[in-house]
């Protein structure tokens, strides 16, 4: 598939979806002005005072996966709008709460919800987004009741798994012995479930069997592992102009990202000790330390080793996913290109 066809299809799908998404959310919240304003601000639909203002909505990979999965399964992507909306809303619920837990002042280039309205209201907005996600799915028109039940089952499990993944991630902050296996389990829970739910949900709304949807949900979890591994590479070696954040951030905060965990398991003992000594210092680490650490990781080919791991995982995912989407249509080809983007993205 050429890049023009890919981009035009993605643009069309997301444009139509976002029209539906905004209309559905505003309809659901038309009596709840405060929640509509705060949530609309986070989603990039309005300013702080509620005035319409389009801002960065994020990559919207999850709803796009749902729409493409539906089309690749032989369905009309429009029928999967409720599932895509529910997944995008659930994802944003997690982001709003993540900003509170991480004390992150910025989200998509603007002040985070908690920074403007306070922690308590941000928790309320996140809770509202959580509840609204299931309402958007339950209100799906022209869908078989059994399809909605199966979709709700997949979405609720994805939510529980995502929360537990976040709990594991937080628990790692106070540990110095996190293994790569534990990391893979954590990101498979924290990042993978909603990607899996997107693939599964799109297939369900194309009338694919529930068992087939469950298989796709598992494949999506592995896509999530790859997504986070690539994200961790960008957190150390990414270009600020493309990622929108400093390449020092993860090291400055002493984040136990995959490159650090991998290095502590695989590098020579003297290099492992150097990293342990650096990470024993109080955060935030000074820039001269982070530069030394990045130089060590680079010289020891940590980035290339992880890229090789990602490539191997990517090929296994593609082998698995291609068997579930035998139809060679543009939705299918675009889905494969999107997964490739997740693996090779630079932002």
Protein backbone atom coordinates (compact mmCIF):
# COMPACT_ATOMS: atom_id res chain seq x y z
CA UNK A 1 0.00 0.00 0.00
CA UNK A 2 1.40 3.43 -0.93
CA UNK A 3 1.64 6.15 1.70
CA UNK A 4 -0.97 8.38 0.04
CA UNK A 5 -3.64 5.65 0.13
CA UNK A 6 -2.73 4.79 3.71
CA UNK A 7 -2.87 8.39 4.91
CA UNK A 8 -6.09 9.23 3.08
CA UNK A 9 -7.89 6.20 4.53
CA UNK A 10 -6.63 6.93 8.05
CA UNK A 11 -7.62 10.60 7.77
CA UNK A 12 -11.11 9.71 6.52
CA UNK A 13 -11.69 7.08 9.20
CA UNK A 14 -10.57 9.35 12.06
CA UNK A 15 -12.42 12.39 10.71
CA UNK A 16 -15.72 10.53 10.54
CA UNK A 17 -15.10 8.85 13.89
CA UNK A 18 -14.28 12.13 15.68
CA UNK A 19 -17.47 13.76 14.39
CA UNK A 20 -19.41 10.85 15.89
CA UNK A 21 -17.29 10.80 19.06
CA UNK A 22 -17.77 14.48 19.89
CA UNK A 23 -21.47 14.41 19.09
CA UNK A 24 -22.06 11.31 21.23
CA UNK A 25 -20.11 12.62 24.22
CA UNK A 26 -21.74 16.04 24.15
CA UNK A 27 -25.16 14.45 23.86
CA UNK A 28 -24.45 12.21 26.85
CA UNK A 29 -23.16 15.13 28.95
CA UNK A 30 -25.47 17.91 27.78
CA UNK A 31 -26.90 18.31 31.32
CA UNK A 32 -23.52 18.11 33.06
CA UNK A 33 -21.78 21.34 32.04
CA UNK A 34 -18.84 21.15 34.43
CA UNK A 35 -17.89 17.60 33.42
CA UNK A 36 -18.41 18.38 29.74
CA UNK A 37 -16.11 21.42 29.98
CA UNK A 38 -13.30 19.67 31.87
CA UNK A 39 -13.43 16.47 29.84
CA UNK A 40 -13.81 18.41 26.59
CA UNK A 41 -10.74 20.43 27.51
CA UNK A 42 -8.71 17.26 28.09
CA UNK A 43 -9.90 15.78 24.80
CA UNK A 44 -8.86 18.94 22.93
CA UNK A 45 -12.37 20.10 22.02
CA UNK A 46 -12.61 23.34 24.00
CA UNK A 47 -10.71 25.88 26.07
CA UNK A 48 -10.77 26.14 29.86
CA UNK A 49 -13.97 28.20 29.81
CA UNK A 50 -15.74 25.82 27.44
CA UNK A 51 -15.27 27.87 24.27
CA UNK A 52 -14.88 25.55 21.24
CA UNK A 53 -11.18 25.16 20.44
CA UNK A 54 -9.61 22.30 18.54
CA UNK A 55 -6.36 21.05 20.05
CA UNK A 56 -4.20 17.94 19.75
CA UNK A 57 -6.39 14.86 20.39
CA UNK A 58 -3.42 12.47 20.52
CA UNK A 59 -2.49 9.72 18.06
CA UNK A 60 -5.83 7.91 18.50
CA UNK A 61 -4.20 4.59 17.66
CA UNK A 62 -6.73 2.59 19.68
CA UNK A 63 -9.93 3.75 17.98
CA UNK A 64 -8.17 3.49 14.64
CA UNK A 65 -7.27 -0.13 15.36
CA UNK A 66 -10.91 -0.87 16.16
CA UNK A 67 -12.16 0.70 12.93
CA UNK A 68 -9.54 -1.04 10.80
CA UNK A 69 -10.14 -4.38 12.51
CA UNK A 70 -13.84 -4.09 11.69
CA UNK A 71 -13.14 -3.23 8.05
CA UNK A 72 -10.49 -5.92 7.74
CA UNK A 73 -13.01 -8.42 9.11
CA UNK A 74 -15.44 -7.59 6.33
CA UNK A 75 -17.61 -5.16 8.29
CA UNK A 76 -18.42 -1.48 7.90
CA UNK A 77 -16.07 0.55 10.16
CA UNK A 78 -18.98 2.85 10.97
CA UNK A 79 -20.65 0.01 12.86
CA UNK A 80 -17.64 -0.07 15.23
CA UNK A 81 -17.86 3.61 16.16
CA UNK A 82 -19.39 2.88 19.60
CA UNK A 83 -16.58 0.44 20.42
CA UNK A 84 -13.92 2.85 19.17
CA UNK A 85 -15.48 5.66 21.22
CA UNK A 86 -15.59 3.52 24.36
CA UNK A 87 -11.96 2.51 23.99
CA UNK A 88 -10.77 6.06 23.35
CA UNK A 89 -12.71 7.31 26.36
CA UNK A 90 -11.33 4.54 28.57
CA UNK A 91 -7.82 5.36 27.39
CA UNK A 92 -8.32 9.01 28.32
CA UNK A 93 -9.66 8.01 31.74
CA UNK A 94 -6.30 6.36 32.37
CA UNK A 95 -4.37 9.38 31.08
CA UNK A 96 -6.19 11.81 33.35
CA UNK A 97 -5.46 9.65 36.38
CA UNK A 98 -1.88 8.99 35.24
CA UNK A 99 -1.21 12.74 35.19
CA UNK A 100 -2.39 12.95 38.79
CA UNK A 101 -0.25 10.02 39.92
CA UNK A 102 2.83 11.16 38.01
CA UNK A 103 2.29 14.84 38.90
CA UNK A 104 2.64 15.56 35.17
CA UNK A 105 1.79 19.18 34.54
CA UNK A 106 1.44 18.88 30.77
CA UNK A 107 -0.64 16.67 28.49
CA UNK A 108 -0.48 17.05 24.70
CA UNK A 109 1.15 20.45 24.97
CA UNK A 110 -1.44 21.93 27.36
CA UNK A 111 -1.81 22.03 31.13
CA UNK A 112 -3.15 18.80 32.59
CA UNK A 113 -6.67 18.73 34.04
CA UNK A 114 -5.43 18.48 37.63
CA UNK A 115 -3.14 21.46 37.14
CA UNK A 116 -6.13 23.66 36.25
CA UNK A 117 -8.98 22.31 38.38
CA UNK A 118 -7.11 20.48 41.13
CA UNK A 119 -6.48 16.84 41.98
CA UNK A 120 -9.94 16.05 43.32
CA UNK A 121 -11.74 17.34 40.25
CA UNK A 122 -9.27 15.56 37.96
CA UNK A 123 -10.10 12.29 39.71
CA UNK A 124 -13.78 13.06 39.20
CA UNK A 125 -13.24 13.79 35.49
CA UNK A 126 -11.33 10.53 35.08
CA UNK A 127 -14.07 8.61 36.87
CA UNK A 128 -16.64 10.29 34.64
CA UNK A 129 -14.70 9.27 31.55
CA UNK A 130 -14.55 5.70 32.84
CA UNK A 131 -18.31 5.48 33.33
CA UNK A 132 -19.02 7.25 30.07
CA UNK A 133 -16.94 4.72 28.12
CA UNK A 134 -19.33 1.92 29.03
CA UNK A 135 -22.36 4.13 28.42
CA UNK A 136 -21.13 4.92 24.90
CA UNK A 137 -20.81 1.23 24.16
CA UNK A 138 -24.15 0.30 25.73
CA UNK A 139 -25.90 2.96 23.63
CA UNK A 140 -24.71 1.39 20.36
CA UNK A 141 -27.53 1.45 17.84
CA UNK A 142 -28.16 -1.30 15.30
CA UNK A 143 -25.93 -3.73 17.21
CA UNK A 144 -27.03 -7.16 18.38
CA UNK A 145 -27.40 -7.31 22.19
CA UNK A 146 -25.03 -10.27 22.31
CA UNK A 147 -22.38 -8.24 20.47
CA UNK A 148 -22.62 -5.49 23.07
CA UNK A 149 -22.42 -8.01 25.93
CA UNK A 150 -19.28 -9.60 24.46
CA UNK A 151 -17.76 -6.17 23.79
CA UNK A 152 -18.52 -5.02 27.36
CA UNK A 153 -16.91 -8.20 28.67
CA UNK A 154 -13.72 -7.58 26.69
CA UNK A 155 -13.62 -3.88 27.59
CA UNK A 156 -14.16 -4.40 31.32
CA UNK A 157 -11.41 -7.04 31.47
CA UNK A 158 -9.09 -4.71 29.58
CA UNK A 159 -9.79 -2.00 32.15
CA UNK A 160 -9.07 -4.24 35.14
CA UNK A 161 -5.87 -5.51 33.51
CA UNK A 162 -4.75 -1.95 32.68
CA UNK A 163 -5.25 -0.83 36.28
CA UNK A 164 -3.30 -3.81 37.59
CA UNK A 165 -0.51 -3.07 35.14
CA UNK A 166 -0.36 0.46 36.51
CA UNK A 167 -0.18 -0.92 40.04
CA UNK A 168 2.75 -3.13 39.05
CA UNK A 169 4.47 -0.18 37.38
CA UNK A 170 4.17 1.90 40.55
CA UNK A 171 5.41 -1.00 42.68
CA UNK A 172 8.57 -1.16 40.55
CA UNK A 173 9.56 2.35 41.63
CA UNK A 174 10.74 1.12 45.03
CA UNK A 175 12.51 -1.98 43.75
CA UNK A 176 16.03 -2.45 42.45
CA UNK A 177 15.54 -6.03 41.25
CA UNK A 178 12.89 -5.72 38.53
CA UNK A 179 13.49 -8.36 35.86
CA UNK A 180 12.83 -8.13 32.14
CA UNK A 181 10.18 -10.85 32.51
CA UNK A 182 8.37 -8.75 35.11
CA UNK A 183 8.62 -5.73 32.84
CA UNK A 184 7.09 -7.65 29.92
CA UNK A 185 4.27 -8.85 32.15
CA UNK A 186 3.66 -5.30 33.40
CA UNK A 187 3.50 -3.61 29.99
CA UNK A 188 1.46 -6.51 28.62
CA UNK A 189 -1.10 -5.52 31.24
CA UNK A 190 -0.70 -1.75 31.31
CA UNK A 191 -0.37 -1.00 27.59
CA UNK A 192 -1.58 -4.13 25.81
CA UNK A 193 -5.21 -4.68 26.93
CA UNK A 194 -6.78 -1.65 25.25
CA UNK A 195 -4.93 -2.36 22.00
CA UNK A 196 -6.19 -5.93 22.21
CA UNK A 197 -9.70 -4.74 23.01
CA UNK A 198 -9.59 -2.53 19.93
CA UNK A 199 -8.74 -5.42 17.62
CA UNK A 200 -11.26 -7.69 19.32
CA UNK A 201 -14.03 -5.11 19.47
CA UNK A 202 -13.70 -4.16 15.83
CA UNK A 203 -13.98 -7.82 14.87
CA UNK A 204 -17.05 -8.31 17.08
CA UNK A 205 -18.88 -5.45 15.37
CA UNK A 206 -18.12 -7.15 12.05
CA UNK A 207 -19.94 -10.22 13.41
CA UNK A 208 -16.81 -12.29 13.97
CA UNK A 209 -17.15 -15.09 16.57
CA UNK A 210 -16.37 -14.29 20.20
CA UNK A 211 -13.57 -16.87 20.31
CA UNK A 212 -11.92 -15.15 17.33
CA UNK A 213 -12.18 -11.82 19.14
CA UNK A 214 -10.49 -13.28 22.21
CA UNK A 215 -7.58 -14.50 20.07
CA UNK A 216 -7.20 -11.01 18.60
CA UNK A 217 -7.24 -9.52 22.10
CA UNK A 218 -4.22 -11.65 23.00
CA UNK A 219 -2.37 -10.57 19.86
CA UNK A 220 -3.11 -6.96 20.75
CA UNK A 221 -1.46 -7.42 24.12
CA UNK A 222 1.77 -8.35 22.37
CA UNK A 223 1.40 -5.28 20.17
CA UNK A 224 1.19 -3.32 23.42
CA UNK A 225 4.46 -4.82 24.64
CA UNK A 226 6.15 -3.76 21.39
CA UNK A 227 4.56 -0.31 21.62
CA UNK A 228 5.96 0.26 25.12
CA UNK A 229 9.39 -1.13 24.32
CA UNK A 230 9.63 1.30 21.41
CA UNK A 231 8.36 4.09 23.66
CA UNK A 232 11.15 3.34 26.13
CA UNK A 233 13.74 3.53 23.34
CA UNK A 234 12.40 6.94 22.35
CA UNK A 235 12.53 7.96 26.01
CA UNK A 236 16.32 7.72 25.87
CA UNK A 237 17.33 8.03 22.22
CA UNK A 238 14.36 9.87 20.70
CA UNK A 239 14.68 13.24 19.01
CA UNK A 240 13.03 16.01 21.01
CA UNK A 241 11.74 17.69 17.84
CA UNK A 242 9.77 14.52 17.03
CA UNK A 243 8.80 13.17 20.46
CA UNK A 244 7.94 16.52 22.04
CA UNK A 245 9.93 15.73 25.19
CA UNK A 246 13.55 15.81 26.24
CA UNK A 247 15.55 12.63 25.72
CA UNK A 248 16.83 13.19 29.28
CA UNK A 249 13.42 12.85 30.96
CA UNK A 250 13.37 9.08 31.57
CA UNK A 251 16.94 8.95 32.83
CA UNK A 252 16.58 12.14 34.87
CA UNK A 253 13.58 10.63 36.64
CA UNK A 254 15.42 7.30 37.11
CA UNK A 255 12.62 5.52 35.28
CA UNK A 256 13.02 1.75 35.22
CA UNK A 257 12.46 1.55 31.49
CA UNK A 258 13.29 -1.53 29.44
CA UNK A 259 16.78 -0.37 28.32
CA UNK A 260 17.80 0.05 31.95
CA UNK A 261 16.33 -3.29 33.04
CA UNK A 262 17.90 -5.04 30.03
CA UNK A 263 21.30 -3.46 30.76
CA UNK A 264 21.20 -4.55 34.40
CA UNK A 265 20.62 -8.13 33.26
CA UNK A 266 22.95 -8.37 30.27
CA UNK A 267 25.88 -5.97 30.49
CA UNK A 268 29.20 -6.84 32.09
CA UNK A 269 29.19 -6.59 35.92
CA UNK A 270 31.25 -3.37 35.99
CA UNK A 271 28.74 -1.60 33.75
CA UNK A 272 25.83 -2.92 35.76
CA UNK A 273 27.44 -1.48 38.88
CA UNK A 274 27.90 1.90 37.23
CA UNK A 275 24.19 2.06 36.41
CA UNK A 276 23.27 0.97 39.94
CA UNK A 277 25.51 3.68 41.38
CA UNK A 278 23.92 6.33 39.16
CA UNK A 279 20.41 5.15 40.04
CA UNK A 280 21.26 5.25 43.75
CA UNK A 281 21.58 9.03 43.51
CA UNK A 282 18.51 11.14 44.34
CA UNK A 283 16.24 12.20 41.48
CA UNK A 284 16.30 14.26 39.39
CA UNK A 285 19.67 13.10 38.10
CA UNK A 286 21.91 15.93 36.84
CA UNK A 287 22.42 16.23 33.09
CA UNK A 288 26.10 15.25 33.18
CA UNK A 289 25.11 11.92 34.77
CA UNK A 290 22.35 11.24 32.26
CA UNK A 291 24.76 12.00 29.41
CA UNK A 292 27.28 9.50 30.78
CA UNK A 293 24.57 6.90 31.19
CA UNK A 294 23.24 7.37 27.67
CA UNK A 295 26.78 7.16 26.31
CA UNK A 296 27.38 3.90 28.17
CA UNK A 297 24.11 2.37 26.95
CA UNK A 298 24.88 3.45 23.40
CA UNK A 299 28.43 2.15 23.40
CA UNK A 300 27.23 -1.21 24.75
CA UNK A 301 24.67 -1.50 21.90
CA UNK A 302 21.70 -1.64 24.26
CA UNK A 303 19.46 0.21 21.81
CA UNK A 304 20.31 -2.15 18.95
CA UNK A 305 19.78 -5.23 21.12
CA UNK A 306 16.30 -4.08 22.08
CA UNK A 307 15.47 -3.15 18.49
CA UNK A 308 16.36 -6.72 17.50
CA UNK A 309 14.03 -8.00 20.23
CA UNK A 310 11.27 -5.71 18.94
CA UNK A 311 11.75 -6.92 15.37
CA UNK A 312 11.47 -10.55 16.43
CA UNK A 313 8.29 -9.82 18.36
CA UNK A 314 6.92 -7.85 15.44
CA UNK A 315 7.39 -10.73 13.00
CA UNK A 316 5.66 -13.14 15.41
CA UNK A 317 2.76 -10.71 15.77
CA UNK A 318 2.42 -10.29 12.03
CA UNK A 319 2.48 -14.05 11.46
CA UNK A 320 -0.32 -14.42 14.00
CA UNK A 321 -2.45 -11.49 12.94
CA UNK A 322 -2.31 -12.21 9.21
CA UNK A 323 -3.95 -15.56 9.84
CA UNK A 324 -6.94 -13.75 11.38
CA UNK A 325 -7.43 -11.25 8.56
CA UNK A 326 -7.24 -13.25 5.32
CA UNK A 327 -9.12 -10.62 3.29
CA UNK A 328 -6.68 -8.55 1.25
CA UNK A 329 -8.55 -5.23 1.30
CA UNK A 330 -7.37 -1.68 2.03
CA UNK A 331 -8.55 -1.86 5.64
CA UNK A 332 -6.47 -4.97 6.18
CA UNK A 333 -3.39 -3.50 4.52
CA UNK A 334 -3.76 -0.27 6.46
CA UNK A 335 -4.09 -2.23 9.71
CA UNK A 336 -0.80 -3.97 8.99
CA UNK A 337 0.82 -0.62 8.16
CA UNK A 338 -0.43 0.83 11.45
CA UNK A 339 1.11 -2.02 13.43
CA UNK A 340 4.33 -1.45 11.50
CA UNK A 341 4.18 2.24 12.48
CA UNK A 342 3.83 1.24 16.14
CA UNK A 343 7.04 -0.76 15.86
CA UNK A 344 9.05 1.77 13.86
CA UNK A 345 7.61 5.07 15.07
CA UNK A 346 9.91 7.94 15.94
CA UNK A 347 7.40 9.96 17.98
